[in-house]
Amino acid sequence: MSFDDLLKELQGQKSVQEDPDNISLEKLFNEAFMRKHSSHGSFGEFLIKGNFQVETHEDIDNIPDELFDRHVSRETDFPDWKSMLEQAKSDHAAVK
C-alpha cells in the first residue's frame, strides 16, 4: 500500500477510484511525460532547476503564477503551467 493510499484510508477517504483532481504529481508528471516535453528526466529535476520546493498541488498553487509560468515556458514545450497540467491530466486519463 502506498503512502497516499494509507493516508487516504486513515482520513476515511479511501475510494475504489482515484480522484481525478487529486492525482499525485509523480503519476501526472511521470518520467515519460517529462522526457517528452522537457529536457528533464523527472518532475523533481524540473522543480530543482527552478529552485521550487514542491510536495503537493497546494505547494504549486502557492507559487506566484507569473514565476511558475515563466519557468514552465523556459524549461518545457508548454507556454504556461495550466497547459502543462491539462496535458498531463489528459495523458493520465488516456492511459487508464
C-alpha atoms as a PDB file:
ATOM      1  CA  MET A   1       0.000   0.000   0.000  1.00  0.00           C
ATOM      2  CA  SER A   2       1.400   3.393  -0.992  1.00  0.00           C
ATOM      3  CA  PHE A   3       1.743   6.233   1.466  1.00  0.00           C
ATOM      4  CA  ASP A   4      -1.022   8.150  -0.356  1.00  0.00           C
ATOM      5  CA  ASP A   5      -3.383   5.166  -0.059  1.00  0.00           C
ATOM      6  CA  LEU A   6      -2.563   4.764   3.621  1.00  0.00           C
ATOM      7  CA  LEU A   7      -3.129   8.445   4.249  1.00  0.00           C
ATOM      8  CA  LYS A   8      -6.496   8.360   2.442  1.00  0.00           C
ATOM      9  CA  GLU A   9      -7.517   5.300   4.403  1.00  0.00           C
ATOM     10  CA  LEU A  10      -6.554   6.916   7.697  1.00  0.00           C
ATOM     11  CA  GLN A  11      -8.510  10.014   6.749  1.00  0.00           C
ATOM     12  CA  GLY A  12     -11.527   7.944   5.743  1.00  0.00           C
ATOM     13  CA  GLN A  13     -11.160   8.991   2.137  1.00  0.00           C
ATOM     14  CA  LYS A  14     -10.223   5.637   0.661  1.00  0.00           C
ATOM     15  CA  SER A  15     -12.168   5.042  -2.519  1.00  0.00           C
ATOM     16  CA  VAL A  16     -12.098   2.454  -5.261  1.00  0.00           C
ATOM     17  CA  GLN A  17     -11.407   5.026  -7.952  1.00  0.00           C
ATOM     18  CA  GLU A  18      -8.668   7.594  -7.887  1.00  0.00           C
ATOM     19  CA  ASP A  19      -9.920  11.163  -7.628  1.00  0.00           C
ATOM     20  CA  PRO A  20      -9.028  12.759 -10.994  1.00  0.00           C
ATOM     21  CA  ASP A  21      -8.450  16.108  -9.307  1.00  0.00           C
ATOM     22  CA  ASN A  22      -6.090  14.627  -6.731  1.00  0.00           C
ATOM     23  CA  ILE A  23      -3.629  12.556  -8.788  1.00  0.00           C
ATOM     24  CA  SER A  24      -0.139  12.506  -7.319  1.00  0.00           C
ATOM     25  CA  LEU A  25       2.415  14.729  -9.007  1.00  0.00           C
ATOM     26  CA  GLU A  26       4.632  11.691  -9.621  1.00  0.00           C
ATOM     27  CA  LYS A  27       1.855   9.972 -11.586  1.00  0.00           C
ATOM     28  CA  LEU A  28       0.874  13.074 -13.546  1.00  0.00           C
ATOM     29  CA  PHE A  29       4.389  14.145 -14.406  1.00  0.00           C
ATOM     30  CA  ASN A  30       5.990  10.742 -14.831  1.00  0.00           C
ATOM     31  CA  GLU A  31       9.374  10.184 -16.431  1.00  0.00           C
ATOM     32  CA  ALA A  32       7.946   9.577 -19.919  1.00  0.00           C
ATOM     33  CA  PHE A  33       5.913  12.791 -19.799  1.00  0.00           C
ATOM     34  CA  MET A  34       8.847  14.869 -18.588  1.00  0.00           C
ATOM     35  CA  ARG A  35      11.266  13.419 -21.154  1.00  0.00           C
ATOM     36  CA  LYS A  36       8.757  14.045 -23.949  1.00  0.00           C
ATOM     37  CA  HIS A  37       8.020  17.664 -23.006  1.00  0.00           C
ATOM     38  CA  SER A  38      11.267  18.863 -21.401  1.00  0.00           C
ATOM     39  CA  SER A  39      14.970  18.140 -21.072  1.00  0.00           C
ATOM     40  CA  HIS A  40      14.374  16.851 -17.543  1.00  0.00           C
ATOM     41  CA  GLY A  41      14.074  13.185 -16.566  1.00  0.00           C
ATOM     42  CA  SER A  42      11.699  13.878 -13.708  1.00  0.00           C
ATOM     43  CA  PHE A  43       9.337  16.475 -12.323  1.00  0.00           C
ATOM     44  CA  GLY A  44      11.692  16.758  -9.352  1.00  0.00           C
ATOM     45  CA  GLU A  45      14.594  17.776 -11.602  1.00  0.00           C
ATOM     46  CA  PHE A  46      12.349  20.320 -13.291  1.00  0.00           C
ATOM     47  CA  LEU A  47      11.413  21.837  -9.922  1.00  0.00           C
ATOM     48  CA  ILE A  48      15.006  21.856  -8.655  1.00  0.00           C
ATOM     49  CA  LYS A  49      16.088  23.755 -11.770  1.00  0.00           C
ATOM     50  CA  GLY A  50      13.598  26.477 -10.820  1.00  0.00           C
ATOM     51  CA  ASN A  51      14.550  26.386  -7.117  1.00  0.00           C
ATOM     52  CA  PHE A  52      10.998  25.340  -6.187  1.00  0.00           C
ATOM     53  CA  GLN A  53      10.215  23.107  -3.203  1.00  0.00           C
ATOM     54  CA  VAL A  54       7.012  21.280  -4.057  1.00  0.00           C
ATOM     55  CA  GLU A  55       5.415  18.265  -2.396  1.00  0.00           C
ATOM     56  CA  THR A  56       1.725  18.796  -3.189  1.00  0.00           C
ATOM     57  CA  HIS A  57      -0.594  20.523  -5.641  1.00  0.00           C
ATOM     58  CA  GLU A  58      -1.152  23.155  -2.934  1.00  0.00           C
ATOM     59  CA  ASP A  59       2.576  23.953  -2.906  1.00  0.00           C
ATOM     60  CA  ILE A  60       2.369  24.671  -6.636  1.00  0.00           C
ATOM     61  CA  ASP A  61      -0.725  26.821  -6.082  1.00  0.00           C
ATOM     62  CA  ASN A  62       1.316  28.920  -3.640  1.00  0.00           C
ATOM     63  CA  ILE A  63       3.951  29.773  -6.267  1.00  0.00           C
ATOM     64  CA  PRO A  64       3.178  33.089  -7.991  1.00  0.00           C
ATOM     65  CA  ASP A  65       1.598  32.290 -11.387  1.00  0.00           C
ATOM     66  CA  GLU A  66       3.894  34.555 -13.364  1.00  0.00           C
ATOM     67  CA  LEU A  67       7.004  32.994 -11.830  1.00  0.00           C
ATOM     68  CA  PHE A  68       5.932  29.389 -12.415  1.00  0.00           C
ATOM     69  CA  ASP A  69       4.561  30.115 -15.911  1.00  0.00           C
ATOM     70  CA  ARG A  70       7.923  31.636 -16.857  1.00  0.00           C
ATOM     71  CA  HIS A  71       9.749  28.538 -15.594  1.00  0.00           C
ATOM     72  CA  VAL A  72       7.371  26.192 -17.456  1.00  0.00           C
ATOM     73  CA  SER A  73       7.743  28.233 -20.656  1.00  0.00           C
ATOM     74  CA  ARG A  74      11.538  28.232 -20.375  1.00  0.00           C
ATOM     75  CA  GLU A  75      12.008  24.566 -19.398  1.00  0.00           C
ATOM     76  CA  THR A  76       9.240  22.735 -21.311  1.00  0.00           C
ATOM     77  CA  ASP A  77       7.429  22.897 -24.633  1.00  0.00           C
ATOM     78  CA  PHE A  78       4.366  24.382 -22.897  1.00  0.00           C
ATOM     79  CA  PRO A  79       3.578  28.101 -22.801  1.00  0.00           C
ATOM     80  CA  ASP A  80       2.398  28.023 -19.180  1.00  0.00           C
ATOM     81  CA  TRP A  81       1.603  25.851 -16.147  1.00  0.00           C
ATOM     82  CA  LYS A  82      -2.098  25.465 -16.968  1.00  0.00           C
ATOM     83  CA  SER A  83      -1.282  23.998 -20.393  1.00  0.00           C
ATOM     84  CA  MET A  84       1.260  21.609 -18.899  1.00  0.00           C
ATOM     85  CA  LEU A  85      -1.136  20.466 -16.181  1.00  0.00           C
ATOM     86  CA  GLU A  86      -4.035  19.956 -18.608  1.00  0.00           C
ATOM     87  CA  GLN A  87      -1.862  17.869 -20.952  1.00  0.00           C
ATOM     88  CA  ALA A  88      -0.600  15.748 -18.054  1.00  0.00           C
ATOM     89  CA  LYS A  89      -4.167  15.125 -16.853  1.00  0.00           C
ATOM     90  CA  SER A  90      -5.262  14.262 -20.400  1.00  0.00           C
ATOM     91  CA  ASP A  91      -2.338  11.853 -20.876  1.00  0.00           C
ATOM     92  CA  HIS A  92      -3.008  10.237 -17.494  1.00  0.00           C
ATOM     93  CA  ALA A  93      -6.710   9.754 -18.287  1.00  0.00           C
ATOM     94  CA  ALA A  94      -5.867   8.235 -21.685  1.00  0.00           C
ATOM     95  CA  VAL A  95      -3.663   5.576 -20.055  1.00  0.00           C
ATOM     96  CA  LYS A  96      -6.366   4.417 -17.651  1.00  0.00           C
END
